[in-house]
C-alpha atoms as a PDB file:
ATOM      1  CA  MET A   1     129.887 119.186 108.246  1.00  0.00           C
ATOM      2  CA  ARG A   2     131.222 119.309 104.695  1.00  0.00           C
ATOM      3  CA  GLY A   3     133.298 116.206 105.386  1.00  0.00           C
ATOM      4  CA  SER A   4     130.230 114.424 106.759  1.00  0.00           C
ATOM      5  CA  VAL A   5     128.319 114.979 103.529  1.00  0.00           C
ATOM      6  CA  ALA A   6     131.256 113.674 101.524  1.00  0.00           C
ATOM      7  CA  ASP A   7     131.411 110.598 103.769  1.00  0.00           C
ATOM      8  CA  ALA A   8     127.684 109.995 103.261  1.00  0.00           C
ATOM      9  CA  GLU A   9     128.137 110.347  99.505  1.00  0.00           C
ATOM     10  CA  ALA A  10     130.802 107.658  99.774  1.00  0.00           C
ATOM     11  CA  GLY A  11     128.282 105.308 101.395  1.00  0.00           C
ATOM     12  CA  GLU A  12     128.769 105.902 105.118  1.00  0.00           C
ATOM     13  CA  THR A  13     125.998 106.664 107.605  1.00  0.00           C
ATOM     14  CA  ILE A  14     126.849 109.687 109.756  1.00  0.00           C
ATOM     15  CA  ILE A  15     125.125 110.326 113.110  1.00  0.00           C
ATOM     16  CA  LEU A  16     125.373 113.793 114.622  1.00  0.00           C
ATOM     17  CA  THR A  17     124.957 114.059 118.382  1.00  0.00           C
ATOM     18  CA  GLN A  18     124.190 116.785 120.875  1.00  0.00           C
ATOM     19  CA  ASP A  19     125.082 116.266 124.520  1.00  0.00           C
ATOM     20  CA  GLY A  20     125.820 112.620 123.730  1.00  0.00           C
ATOM     21  CA  ARG A  21     122.355 111.947 122.245  1.00  0.00           C
ATOM     22  CA  PRO A  22     121.887 111.170 118.560  1.00  0.00           C
ATOM     23  CA  ILE A  23     120.062 114.055 116.871  1.00  0.00           C
ATOM     24  CA  VAL A  24     120.530 113.698 113.107  1.00  0.00           C
ATOM     25  CA  ARG A  25     121.400 110.825 110.807  1.00  0.00           C
ATOM     26  CA  ILE A  26     122.915 111.539 107.394  1.00  0.00           C
ATOM     27  CA  GLU A  27     122.944 108.546 105.109  1.00  0.00           C
ATOM     28  CA  PRO A  28     123.250 107.906 101.414  1.00  0.00           C
ATOM     29  CA  ILE A  29     120.102 107.523  99.372  1.00  0.00           C
ATOM     30  CA  GLY A  30     119.877 104.162  97.648  1.00  0.00           C
ATOM     31  CA  PRO A  31     119.923 103.897  93.887  1.00  0.00           C
ATOM     32  CA  ARG A  32     116.722 104.774  92.042  1.00  0.00           C
ATOM     33  CA  SER A  33     114.959 101.897  90.431  1.00  0.00           C
ATOM     34  CA  ASP A  34     114.611 102.120  86.693  1.00  0.00           C
ATOM     35  CA  GLN A  35     111.285 102.402  84.894  1.00  0.00           C
ATOM     36  CA  ARG A  36     111.315  98.733  83.880  1.00  0.00           C
ATOM     37  CA  THR A  37     111.672  97.597  87.505  1.00  0.00           C
ATOM     38  CA  ARG A  38     108.894  99.933  88.699  1.00  0.00           C
ATOM     39  CA  ARG A  39     106.599  98.725  85.906  1.00  0.00           C
ATOM     40  CA  ALA A  40     107.269  95.084  86.844  1.00  0.00           C
ATOM     41  CA  VAL A  41     106.370  95.755  90.485  1.00  0.00           C
ATOM     42  CA  LEU A  42     103.171  97.564  89.481  1.00  0.00           C
ATOM     43  CA  ASN A  43     102.198  94.717  87.156  1.00  0.00           C
ATOM     44  CA  ASP A  44     102.727  92.186  89.964  1.00  0.00           C
ATOM     45  CA  VAL A  45     100.540  94.186  92.347  1.00  0.00           C
ATOM     46  CA  GLN A  46      97.824  94.716  89.739  1.00  0.00           C
ATOM     47  CA  GLY A  47      97.843  91.008  88.923  1.00  0.00           C
ATOM     48  CA  SER A  48      97.447  90.001  92.553  1.00  0.00           C
ATOM     49  CA  VAL A  49      94.580  92.468  93.026  1.00  0.00           C
ATOM     50  CA  ARG A  50      92.743  91.193  89.948  1.00  0.00           C
ATOM     51  CA  GLY A  51      92.553  87.749  91.511  1.00  0.00           C
ATOM     52  CA  LYS A  52      91.082  89.121  94.750  1.00  0.00           C
ATOM     53  CA  ALA A  53      88.569  91.590  93.320  1.00  0.00           C
ATOM     54  CA  SER A  54      84.950  90.525  93.300  1.00  0.00           C
ATOM     55  CA  ASP A  55      82.189  91.884  91.122  1.00  0.00           C
ATOM     56  CA  GLY A  56      79.873  94.030  93.155  1.00  0.00           C
ATOM     57  CA  PRO A  57      77.393  96.710  92.288  1.00  0.00           C
ATOM     58  CA  ASN A  58      78.637  99.386  89.951  1.00  0.00           C
ATOM     59  CA  ALA A  59      78.803 102.967  91.160  1.00  0.00           C
ATOM     60  CA  ALA A  60      75.436 103.864  89.655  1.00  0.00           C
ATOM     61  CA  ARG A  61      73.691 101.086  91.622  1.00  0.00           C
ATOM     62  CA  SER A  62      75.786 101.048  94.806  1.00  0.00           C
ATOM     63  CA  GLN A  63      73.233 102.999  96.878  1.00  0.00           C
ATOM     64  CA  ASP A  64      70.078 101.176  95.736  1.00  0.00           C
ATOM     65  CA  PHE A  65      69.725  99.278  99.028  1.00  0.00           C
ATOM     66  CA  LEU A  66      69.001 102.588 100.775  1.00  0.00           C
ATOM     67  CA  TYR A  67      65.757 103.162  98.872  1.00  0.00           C
ATOM     68  CA  GLY A  68      62.526 101.217  98.467  1.00  0.00           C
ATOM     69  CA  THR A  69      60.699 100.498  95.214  1.00  0.00           C
ATOM     70  CA  ASP A  70      58.829 103.786  95.619  1.00  0.00           C
ATOM     71  CA  GLY A  71      62.120 105.716  95.542  1.00  0.00           C
ATOM     72  CA  LEU A  72      61.866 106.825  99.162  1.00  0.00           C
ATOM     73  CA  PRO A  73      64.437 106.034 101.856  1.00  0.00           C
ATOM     74  CA  VAL A  74      63.759 102.787 103.716  1.00  0.00           C
END
């Protein structure tokens, strides 16, 4: 098992089997993205959402349609 971990650290994917069936896969974790890359992805997503968002009622007024002018449920 110790050799398998070393092989995975070197970039190999290791598959452990039991009775000829694959049971466990050990594989290297990819490199972490840096903060600049993560920020760029978040900015892209936020920019695309801004274009799709529509102005609707604010939270304070979002339930107004449930009540009549007398303040009672409709």
